[in-house]
All heavy atoms as atom14 arrays in JSON, in Angstrom:
{
  "sequence": "VGLKREAAARFSFLLSVPAVLASGALQLYEALKFIDQSMAVNII",
  "atom14_mask": [
    [1, 1, 1, 1, 1, 1, 1, 0, 0, 0, 0, 0, 0, 0],
    [1, 1, 1, 1, 0, 0, 0, 0, 0, 0, 0, 0, 0, 0],
    [1, 1, 1, 1, 1, 1, 1, 1, 0, 0, 0, 0, 0, 0],
    [1, 1, 1, 1, 1, 1, 1, 1, 1, 0, 0, 0, 0, 0],
    [1, 1, 1, 1, 1, 1, 1, 1, 1, 1, 1, 0, 0, 0],
    [1, 1, 1, 1, 1, 1, 1, 1, 1, 0, 0, 0, 0, 0],
    [1, 1, 1, 1, 1, 0, 0, 0, 0, 0, 0, 0, 0, 0],
    [1, 1, 1, 1, 1, 0, 0, 0, 0, 0, 0, 0, 0, 0],
    [1, 1, 1, 1, 1, 0, 0, 0, 0, 0, 0, 0, 0, 0],
    [1, 1, 1, 1, 1, 1, 1, 1, 1, 1, 1, 0, 0, 0],
    [1, 1, 1, 1, 1, 1, 1, 1, 1, 1, 1, 0, 0, 0],
    [1, 1, 1, 1, 1, 1, 0, 0, 0, 0, 0, 0, 0, 0],
    [1, 1, 1, 1, 1, 1, 1, 1, 1, 1, 1, 0, 0, 0],
    [1, 1, 1, 1, 1, 1, 1, 1, 0, 0, 0, 0, 0, 0],
    [1, 1, 1, 1, 1, 1, 1, 1, 0, 0, 0, 0, 0, 0],
    [1, 1, 1, 1, 1, 1, 0, 0, 0, 0, 0, 0, 0, 0],
    [1, 1, 1, 1, 1, 1, 1, 0, 0, 0, 0, 0, 0, 0],
    [1, 1, 1, 1, 1, 1, 1, 0, 0, 0, 0, 0, 0, 0],
    [1, 1, 1, 1, 1, 0, 0, 0, 0, 0, 0, 0, 0, 0],
    [1, 1, 1, 1, 1, 1, 1, 0, 0, 0, 0, 0, 0, 0],
    [1, 1, 1, 1, 1, 1, 1, 1, 0, 0, 0, 0, 0, 0],
    [1, 1, 1, 1, 1, 0, 0, 0, 0, 0, 0, 0, 0, 0],
    [1, 1, 1, 1, 1, 1, 0, 0, 0, 0, 0, 0, 0, 0],
    [1, 1, 1, 1, 0, 0, 0, 0, 0, 0, 0, 0, 0, 0],
    [1, 1, 1, 1, 1, 0, 0, 0, 0, 0, 0, 0, 0, 0],
    [1, 1, 1, 1, 1, 1, 1, 1, 0, 0, 0, 0, 0, 0],
    [1, 1, 1, 1, 1, 1, 1, 1, 1, 0, 0, 0, 0, 0],
    [1, 1, 1, 1, 1, 1, 1, 1, 0, 0, 0, 0, 0, 0],
    [1, 1, 1, 1, 1, 1, 1, 1, 1, 1, 1, 1, 0, 0],
    [1, 1, 1, 1, 1, 1, 1, 1, 1, 0, 0, 0, 0, 0],
    [1, 1, 1, 1, 1, 0, 0, 0, 0, 0, 0, 0, 0, 0],
    [1, 1, 1, 1, 1, 1, 1, 1, 0, 0, 0, 0, 0, 0],
    [1, 1, 1, 1, 1, 1, 1, 1, 1, 0, 0, 0, 0, 0],
    [1, 1, 1, 1, 1, 1, 1, 1, 1, 1, 1, 0, 0, 0],
    [1, 1, 1, 1, 1, 1, 1, 1, 0, 0, 0, 0, 0, 0],
    [1, 1, 1, 1, 1, 1, 1, 1, 0, 0, 0, 0, 0, 0],
    [1, 1, 1, 1, 1, 1, 1, 1, 1, 0, 0, 0, 0, 0],
    [1, 1, 1, 1, 1, 1, 0, 0, 0, 0, 0, 0, 0, 0],
    [1, 1, 1, 1, 1, 1, 1, 1, 0, 0, 0, 0, 0, 0],
    [1, 1, 1, 1, 1, 0, 0, 0, 0, 0, 0, 0, 0, 0],
    [1, 1, 1, 1, 1, 1, 1, 0, 0, 0, 0, 0, 0, 0],
    [1, 1, 1, 1, 1, 1, 1, 1, 0, 0, 0, 0, 0, 0],
    [1, 1, 1, 1, 1, 1, 1, 1, 0, 0, 0, 0, 0, 0],
    [1, 1, 1, 1, 1, 1, 1, 1, 0, 0, 0, 0, 0, 0]
  ],
  "atom14_positions": [
    [[0.82, -1.22, 0.0], [0.0, 0.0, 0.0], [0.85, 1.26, 0.0], [0.32, 2.36, 0.11], [-1.03, 0.02, 1.15], [-2.01, -1.13, 1.03], [-0.38, 0.07, 2.51], [0.0, 0.0, 0.0], [0.0, 0.0, 0.0], [0.0, 0.0, 0.0], [0.0, 0.0, 0.0], [0.0, 0.0, 0.0], [0.0, 0.0, 0.0], [0.0, 0.0, 0.0]],
    [[2.18, 1.11, -0.11], [3.05, 2.26, -0.29], [3.75, 2.79, 0.94], [4.36, 3.86, 0.91], [0.0, 0.0, 0.0], [0.0, 0.0, 0.0], [0.0, 0.0, 0.0], [0.0, 0.0, 0.0], [0.0, 0.0, 0.0], [0.0, 0.0, 0.0], [0.0, 0.0, 0.0], [0.0, 0.0, 0.0], [0.0, 0.0, 0.0], [0.0, 0.0, 0.0]],
    [[3.69, 2.04, 2.04], [4.37, 2.5, 3.25], [5.88, 2.36, 3.12], [6.37, 1.46, 2.43], [3.9, 1.69, 4.47], [2.46, 1.9, 4.93], [2.15, 0.96, 6.09], [2.22, 3.33, 5.34], [0.0, 0.0, 0.0], [0.0, 0.0, 0.0], [0.0, 0.0, 0.0], [0.0, 0.0, 0.0], [0.0, 0.0, 0.0], [0.0, 0.0, 0.0]],
    [[6.59, 3.23, 3.79], [8.03, 3.05, 3.94], [8.24, 1.8, 4.8], [7.37, 1.42, 5.59], [8.65, 4.27, 4.64], [8.53, 5.54, 3.82], [9.06, 6.73, 4.61], [8.88, 8.01, 3.83], [9.28, 9.19, 4.62], [0.0, 0.0, 0.0], [0.0, 0.0, 0.0], [0.0, 0.0, 0.0], [0.0, 0.0, 0.0], [0.0, 0.0, 0.0]],
    [[9.38, 1.15, 4.65], [9.64, -0.09, 5.38], [9.45, 0.09, 6.88], [8.79, -0.71, 7.55], [11.06, -0.59, 5.11], [11.27, -1.12, 3.73], [12.72, -1.57, 3.54], [13.0, -1.68, 2.13], [13.57, -0.72, 1.42], [13.97, 0.4, 1.99], [13.77, -0.89, 0.14], [0.0, 0.0, 0.0], [0.0, 0.0, 0.0], [0.0, 0.0, 0.0]],
    [[10.06, 1.13, 7.43], [9.98, 1.35, 8.87], [8.54, 1.64, 9.3], [8.09, 1.17, 10.34], [10.91, 2.51, 9.25], [11.08, 2.71, 10.73], [10.35, 3.93, 11.25], [9.96, 4.79, 10.43], [10.16, 4.01, 12.46], [0.0, 0.0, 0.0], [0.0, 0.0, 0.0], [0.0, 0.0, 0.0], [0.0, 0.0, 0.0], [0.0, 0.0, 0.0]],
    [[7.8, 2.36, 8.48], [6.41, 2.67, 8.81], [5.55, 1.4, 8.76], [4.68, 1.21, 9.61], [5.85, 3.71, 7.84], [0.0, 0.0, 0.0], [0.0, 0.0, 0.0], [0.0, 0.0, 0.0], [0.0, 0.0, 0.0], [0.0, 0.0, 0.0], [0.0, 0.0, 0.0], [0.0, 0.0, 0.0], [0.0, 0.0, 0.0], [0.0, 0.0, 0.0]],
    [[5.81, 0.54, 7.79], [5.08, -0.73, 7.69], [5.34, -1.58, 8.93], [4.41, -2.17, 9.5], [5.48, -1.48, 6.43], [0.0, 0.0, 0.0], [0.0, 0.0, 0.0], [0.0, 0.0, 0.0], [0.0, 0.0, 0.0], [0.0, 0.0, 0.0], [0.0, 0.0, 0.0], [0.0, 0.0, 0.0], [0.0, 0.0, 0.0], [0.0, 0.0, 0.0]],
    [[6.59, -1.65, 9.36], [6.92, -2.43, 10.55], [6.32, -1.8, 11.81], [5.77, -2.5, 12.66], [8.44, -2.55, 10.69], [0.0, 0.0, 0.0], [0.0, 0.0, 0.0], [0.0, 0.0, 0.0], [0.0, 0.0, 0.0], [0.0, 0.0, 0.0], [0.0, 0.0, 0.0], [0.0, 0.0, 0.0], [0.0, 0.0, 0.0], [0.0, 0.0, 0.0]],
    [[6.4, -0.49, 11.92], [5.84, 0.2, 13.09], [4.33, -0.05, 13.19], [3.8, -0.39, 14.24], [6.14, 1.69, 13.02], [5.69, 2.47, 14.24], [6.12, 3.92, 14.18], [7.57, 4.09, 14.1], [8.4, 4.03, 15.14], [7.94, 3.79, 16.34], [9.69, 4.2, 14.97], [0.0, 0.0, 0.0], [0.0, 0.0, 0.0], [0.0, 0.0, 0.0]],
    [[3.62, 0.1, 12.06], [2.17, -0.14, 12.07], [1.87, -1.6, 12.38], [0.92, -1.9, 13.1], [1.56, 0.27, 10.73], [0.06, 0.27, 10.74], [-0.64, 1.24, 11.44], [-0.65, -0.7, 10.07], [-2.03, 1.24, 11.47], [-2.04, -0.71, 10.08], [-2.73, 0.27, 10.79], [0.0, 0.0, 0.0], [0.0, 0.0, 0.0], [0.0, 0.0, 0.0]],
    [[2.68, -2.5, 11.85], [2.49, -3.92, 12.13], [2.59, -4.21, 13.63], [1.77, -4.95, 14.19], [3.55, -4.74, 11.38], [3.51, -6.09, 11.77], [0.0, 0.0, 0.0], [0.0, 0.0, 0.0], [0.0, 0.0, 0.0], [0.0, 0.0, 0.0], [0.0, 0.0, 0.0], [0.0, 0.0, 0.0], [0.0, 0.0, 0.0], [0.0, 0.0, 0.0]],
    [[3.58, -3.61, 14.27], [3.74, -3.84, 15.71], [2.63, -3.16, 16.5], [2.16, -3.71, 17.5], [5.12, -3.4, 16.17], [6.21, -4.27, 15.61], [7.26, -3.72, 14.91], [6.17, -5.65, 15.74], [8.26, -4.52, 14.36], [7.16, -6.46, 15.21], [8.2, -5.89, 14.52], [0.0, 0.0, 0.0], [0.0, 0.0, 0.0], [0.0, 0.0, 0.0]],
    [[2.19, -1.99, 16.08], [1.06, -1.34, 16.74], [-0.2, -2.19, 16.6], [-1.0, -2.31, 17.54], [0.83, 0.06, 16.17], [1.88, 1.1, 16.51], [1.63, 2.39, 15.72], [1.91, 1.39, 18.0], [0.0, 0.0, 0.0], [0.0, 0.0, 0.0], [0.0, 0.0, 0.0], [0.0, 0.0, 0.0], [0.0, 0.0, 0.0], [0.0, 0.0, 0.0]],
    [[-0.38, -2.79, 15.44], [-1.53, -3.64, 15.18], [-1.52, -4.89, 16.06], [-2.57, -5.44, 16.38], [-1.54, -4.03, 13.7], [-2.77, -4.65, 13.11], [-3.96, -3.72, 13.24], [-2.53, -4.98, 11.64], [0.0, 0.0, 0.0], [0.0, 0.0, 0.0], [0.0, 0.0, 0.0], [0.0, 0.0, 0.0], [0.0, 0.0, 0.0], [0.0, 0.0, 0.0]],
    [[-0.34, -5.31, 16.48], [-0.24, -6.52, 17.3], [-0.62, -6.29, 18.76], [-0.96, -7.25, 19.46], [1.18, -7.08, 17.24], [2.07, -6.29, 18.02], [0.0, 0.0, 0.0], [0.0, 0.0, 0.0], [0.0, 0.0, 0.0], [0.0, 0.0, 0.0], [0.0, 0.0, 0.0], [0.0, 0.0, 0.0], [0.0, 0.0, 0.0], [0.0, 0.0, 0.0]],
    [[-0.58, -5.06, 19.22], [-0.79, -4.78, 20.65], [-2.12, -5.33, 21.17], [-2.14, -6.06, 22.17], [-0.63, -3.27, 20.96], [-1.06, -2.94, 22.38], [0.82, -2.85, 20.73], [0.0, 0.0, 0.0], [0.0, 0.0, 0.0], [0.0, 0.0, 0.0], [0.0, 0.0, 0.0], [0.0, 0.0, 0.0], [0.0, 0.0, 0.0], [0.0, 0.0, 0.0]],
    [[-3.26, -5.04, 20.53], [-4.52, -5.59, 21.07], [-4.54, -7.12, 21.1], [-4.99, -7.72, 22.08], [-5.59, -5.05, 20.12], [-4.97, -3.89, 19.43], [-3.5, -4.17, 19.38], [0.0, 0.0, 0.0], [0.0, 0.0, 0.0], [0.0, 0.0, 0.0], [0.0, 0.0, 0.0], [0.0, 0.0, 0.0], [0.0, 0.0, 0.0], [0.0, 0.0, 0.0]],
    [[-4.05, -7.75, 20.04], [-4.07, -9.21, 19.98], [-3.16, -9.82, 21.05], [-3.53, -10.79, 21.72], [-3.64, -9.68, 18.59], [0.0, 0.0, 0.0], [0.0, 0.0, 0.0], [0.0, 0.0, 0.0], [0.0, 0.0, 0.0], [0.0, 0.0, 0.0], [0.0, 0.0, 0.0], [0.0, 0.0, 0.0], [0.0, 0.0, 0.0], [0.0, 0.0, 0.0]],
    [[-1.98, -9.25, 21.23], [-1.04, -9.78, 22.22], [-1.58, -9.57, 23.64], [-1.52, -10.48, 24.47], [0.35, -9.13, 22.04], [1.27, -9.47, 23.19], [0.96, -9.57, 20.72], [0.0, 0.0, 0.0], [0.0, 0.0, 0.0], [0.0, 0.0, 0.0], [0.0, 0.0, 0.0], [0.0, 0.0, 0.0], [0.0, 0.0, 0.0], [0.0, 0.0, 0.0]],
    [[-2.12, -8.39, 23.9], [-2.68, -8.13, 25.23], [-3.86, -9.05, 25.53], [-3.96, -9.62, 26.61], [-3.09, -6.67, 25.37], [-1.97, -5.67, 25.55], [-2.52, -4.24, 25.59], [-1.18, -5.95, 26.81], [0.0, 0.0, 0.0], [0.0, 0.0, 0.0], [0.0, 0.0, 0.0], [0.0, 0.0, 0.0], [0.0, 0.0, 0.0], [0.0, 0.0, 0.0]],
    [[-4.76, -9.21, 24.56], [-5.92, -10.08, 24.77], [-5.5, -11.53, 24.96], [-6.01, -12.22, 25.85], [-6.89, -9.94, 23.6], [0.0, 0.0, 0.0], [0.0, 0.0, 0.0], [0.0, 0.0, 0.0], [0.0, 0.0, 0.0], [0.0, 0.0, 0.0], [0.0, 0.0, 0.0], [0.0, 0.0, 0.0], [0.0, 0.0, 0.0], [0.0, 0.0, 0.0]],
    [[-4.57, -11.98, 24.15], [-4.08, -13.34, 24.26], [-3.4, -13.58, 25.61], [-3.64, -14.59, 26.28], [-3.1, -13.64, 23.13], [-2.48, -14.87, 23.31], [0.0, 0.0, 0.0], [0.0, 0.0, 0.0], [0.0, 0.0, 0.0], [0.0, 0.0, 0.0], [0.0, 0.0, 0.0], [0.0, 0.0, 0.0], [0.0, 0.0, 0.0], [0.0, 0.0, 0.0]],
    [[-2.56, -12.62, 26.0], [-1.89, -12.74, 27.3], [-2.87, -12.72, 28.46], [-2.72, -13.49, 29.42], [0.0, 0.0, 0.0], [0.0, 0.0, 0.0], [0.0, 0.0, 0.0], [0.0, 0.0, 0.0], [0.0, 0.0, 0.0], [0.0, 0.0, 0.0], [0.0, 0.0, 0.0], [0.0, 0.0, 0.0], [0.0, 0.0, 0.0], [0.0, 0.0, 0.0]],
    [[-3.88, -11.87, 28.4], [-4.88, -11.8, 29.46], [-5.66, -13.11, 29.56], [-5.91, -13.61, 30.66], [-5.82, -10.63, 29.22], [0.0, 0.0, 0.0], [0.0, 0.0, 0.0], [0.0, 0.0, 0.0], [0.0, 0.0, 0.0], [0.0, 0.0, 0.0], [0.0, 0.0, 0.0], [0.0, 0.0, 0.0], [0.0, 0.0, 0.0], [0.0, 0.0, 0.0]],
    [[-6.02, -13.68, 28.4], [-6.74, -14.95, 28.41], [-5.87, -16.06, 28.98], [-6.33, -16.86, 29.8], [-7.19, -15.3, 26.99], [-7.91, -16.65, 26.85], [-9.19, -16.68, 27.67], [-8.19, -16.95, 25.38], [0.0, 0.0, 0.0], [0.0, 0.0, 0.0], [0.0, 0.0, 0.0], [0.0, 0.0, 0.0], [0.0, 0.0, 0.0], [0.0, 0.0, 0.0]],
    [[-4.6, -16.11, 28.56], [-3.69, -17.14, 29.08], [-3.51, -17.0, 30.59], [-3.5, -18.01, 31.32], [-2.33, -17.04, 28.38], [-2.34, -17.45, 26.93], [-2.51, -18.95, 26.77], [-1.93, -19.73, 27.53], [-3.3, -19.35, 25.82], [0.0, 0.0, 0.0], [0.0, 0.0, 0.0], [0.0, 0.0, 0.0], [0.0, 0.0, 0.0], [0.0, 0.0, 0.0]],
    [[-3.38, -15.77, 31.07], [-3.24, -15.54, 32.51], [-4.49, -15.99, 33.24], [-4.42, -16.67, 34.27], [-2.94, -14.07, 32.79], [-2.8, -13.7, 34.27], [-1.63, -14.46, 34.91], [-2.62, -12.2, 34.42], [0.0, 0.0, 0.0], [0.0, 0.0, 0.0], [0.0, 0.0, 0.0], [0.0, 0.0, 0.0], [0.0, 0.0, 0.0], [0.0, 0.0, 0.0]],
    [[-5.64, -15.62, 32.71], [-6.91, -16.01, 33.35], [-7.03, -17.53, 33.44], [-7.41, -18.06, 34.48], [-8.09, -15.42, 32.56], [-9.42, -15.88, 33.06], [-9.96, -15.36, 34.24], [-10.14, -16.85, 32.37], [-11.19, -15.8, 34.71], [-11.37, -17.29, 32.83], [-11.89, -16.76, 34.0], [-13.1, -17.2, 34.47], [0.0, 0.0, 0.0], [0.0, 0.0, 0.0]],
    [[-6.69, -18.22, 32.37], [-6.78, -19.68, 32.36], [-5.75, -20.33, 33.27], [-5.95, -21.42, 33.78], [-6.64, -20.2, 30.93], [-7.82, -19.86, 30.05], [-7.63, -20.26, 28.6], [-6.49, -20.61, 28.21], [-8.62, -20.23, 27.85], [0.0, 0.0, 0.0], [0.0, 0.0, 0.0], [0.0, 0.0, 0.0], [0.0, 0.0, 0.0], [0.0, 0.0, 0.0]],
    [[-4.62, -19.67, 33.47], [-3.54, -20.23, 34.29], [-3.7, -19.91, 35.77], [-3.04, -20.54, 36.61], [-2.19, -19.72, 33.8], [0.0, 0.0, 0.0], [0.0, 0.0, 0.0], [0.0, 0.0, 0.0], [0.0, 0.0, 0.0], [0.0, 0.0, 0.0], [0.0, 0.0, 0.0], [0.0, 0.0, 0.0], [0.0, 0.0, 0.0], [0.0, 0.0, 0.0]],
    [[-4.54, -18.95, 36.13], [-4.65, -18.52, 37.52], [-4.94, -19.66, 38.48], [-4.43, -19.67, 39.61], [-5.72, -17.43, 37.67], [-5.29, -16.03, 37.25], [-6.45, -15.07, 37.35], [-4.11, -15.55, 38.08], [0.0, 0.0, 0.0], [0.0, 0.0, 0.0], [0.0, 0.0, 0.0], [0.0, 0.0, 0.0], [0.0, 0.0, 0.0], [0.0, 0.0, 0.0]],
    [[-5.72, -20.63, 38.07], [-6.07, -21.74, 38.96], [-4.87, -22.65, 39.25], [-4.9, -23.44, 40.19], [-7.25, -22.54, 38.42], [-7.07, -23.06, 37.03], [-8.35, -23.69, 36.52], [-8.28, -23.8, 35.02], [-9.54, -23.72, 34.39], [0.0, 0.0, 0.0], [0.0, 0.0, 0.0], [0.0, 0.0, 0.0], [0.0, 0.0, 0.0], [0.0, 0.0, 0.0]],
    [[-3.81, -22.54, 38.47], [-2.62, -23.38, 38.64], [-1.44, -22.63, 39.26], [-0.41, -23.22, 39.53], [-2.17, -23.96, 37.29], [-3.24, -24.71, 36.58], [-3.85, -24.18, 35.45], [-3.67, -25.95, 37.04], [-4.85, -24.87, 34.78], [-4.68, -26.65, 36.39], [-5.27, -26.1, 35.26], [0.0, 0.0, 0.0], [0.0, 0.0, 0.0], [0.0, 0.0, 0.0]],
    [[-1.6, -21.34, 39.46], [-0.49, -20.5, 39.91], [-0.58, -20.26, 41.42], [-1.6, -19.83, 41.93], [-0.5, -19.14, 39.17], [-0.31, -19.36, 37.68], [0.57, -18.21, 39.72], [-0.48, -18.1, 36.85], [0.0, 0.0, 0.0], [0.0, 0.0, 0.0], [0.0, 0.0, 0.0], [0.0, 0.0, 0.0], [0.0, 0.0, 0.0], [0.0, 0.0, 0.0]],
    [[0.55, -20.54, 42.1], [0.62, -20.17, 43.51], [1.48, -18.9, 43.63], [1.95, -18.36, 42.64], [1.16, -21.31, 44.37], [2.57, -21.73, 43.99], [3.27, -20.96, 43.33], [2.97, -22.85, 44.37], [0.0, 0.0, 0.0], [0.0, 0.0, 0.0], [0.0, 0.0, 0.0], [0.0, 0.0, 0.0], [0.0, 0.0, 0.0], [0.0, 0.0, 0.0]],
    [[1.69, -18.44, 44.86], [2.37, -17.16, 45.06], [3.81, -17.17, 44.52], [4.26, -16.2, 43.93], [2.38, -16.81, 46.54], [2.82, -15.39, 46.8], [2.6, -15.0, 48.25], [2.26, -15.82, 49.09], [2.82, -13.73, 48.56], [0.0, 0.0, 0.0], [0.0, 0.0, 0.0], [0.0, 0.0, 0.0], [0.0, 0.0, 0.0], [0.0, 0.0, 0.0]],
    [[4.52, -18.28, 44.71], [5.9, -18.32, 44.24], [5.97, -18.3, 42.71], [6.88, -17.72, 42.12], [6.62, -19.56, 44.78], [6.03, -20.74, 44.25], [0.0, 0.0, 0.0], [0.0, 0.0, 0.0], [0.0, 0.0, 0.0], [0.0, 0.0, 0.0], [0.0, 0.0, 0.0], [0.0, 0.0, 0.0], [0.0, 0.0, 0.0], [0.0, 0.0, 0.0]],
    [[5.01, -18.92, 42.07], [4.97, -18.9, 40.6], [4.6, -17.52, 40.07], [5.01, -17.15, 38.98], [3.99, -19.95, 40.09], [4.43, -21.38, 40.32], [3.17, -22.58, 39.87], [3.12, -22.38, 38.11], [0.0, 0.0, 0.0], [0.0, 0.0, 0.0], [0.0, 0.0, 0.0], [0.0, 0.0, 0.0], [0.0, 0.0, 0.0], [0.0, 0.0, 0.0]],
    [[3.83, -16.77, 40.84], [3.42, -15.43, 40.41], [4.64, -14.53, 40.23], [4.71, -13.75, 39.29], [2.44, -14.82, 41.41], [0.0, 0.0, 0.0], [0.0, 0.0, 0.0], [0.0, 0.0, 0.0], [0.0, 0.0, 0.0], [0.0, 0.0, 0.0], [0.0, 0.0, 0.0], [0.0, 0.0, 0.0], [0.0, 0.0, 0.0], [0.0, 0.0, 0.0]],
    [[5.62, -14.66, 41.14], [6.85, -13.86, 41.02], [7.58, -14.23, 39.74], [8.05, -13.34, 39.01], [7.76, -14.08, 42.26], [9.11, -13.42, 42.06], [7.08, -13.56, 43.51], [0.0, 0.0, 0.0], [0.0, 0.0, 0.0], [0.0, 0.0, 0.0], [0.0, 0.0, 0.0], [0.0, 0.0, 0.0], [0.0, 0.0, 0.0], [0.0, 0.0, 0.0]],
    [[7.65, -15.52, 39.43], [8.31, -15.96, 38.19], [7.59, -15.4, 36.96], [8.24, -14.98, 36.0], [8.34, -17.48, 38.11], [9.25, -18.09, 39.15], [10.11, -17.42, 39.71], [9.05, -19.37, 39.44], [0.0, 0.0, 0.0], [0.0, 0.0, 0.0], [0.0, 0.0, 0.0], [0.0, 0.0, 0.0], [0.0, 0.0, 0.0], [0.0, 0.0, 0.0]],
    [[6.27, -15.39, 36.99], [5.51, -14.88, 35.86], [5.73, -13.38, 35.69], [5.9, -12.89, 34.56], [4.01, -15.2, 36.01], [3.8, -16.7, 35.83], [3.16, -14.41, 35.03], [2.4, -17.17, 36.11], [0.0, 0.0, 0.0], [0.0, 0.0, 0.0], [0.0, 0.0, 0.0], [0.0, 0.0, 0.0], [0.0, 0.0, 0.0], [0.0, 0.0, 0.0]],
    [[5.77, -12.66, 36.77], [6.01, -11.21, 36.71], [7.39, -10.92, 36.14], [7.55, -10.09, 35.24], [5.82, -10.56, 38.1], [4.34, -10.61, 38.48], [6.34, -9.12, 38.1], [4.06, -10.27, 39.93], [0.0, 0.0, 0.0], [0.0, 0.0, 0.0], [0.0, 0.0, 0.0], [0.0, 0.0, 0.0], [0.0, 0.0, 0.0], [0.0, 0.0, 0.0]]
  ]
}
């Protein structure tokens, strides 16, 4: 669509933010039942 290389990459990474955040939130939610306090530090 005519973007400069750096602009195409920047937009690509900006576009990934919602998907990555949603995926990470879902994974965390599903993992909460298996995580104890010591594992929480490792995850952080």
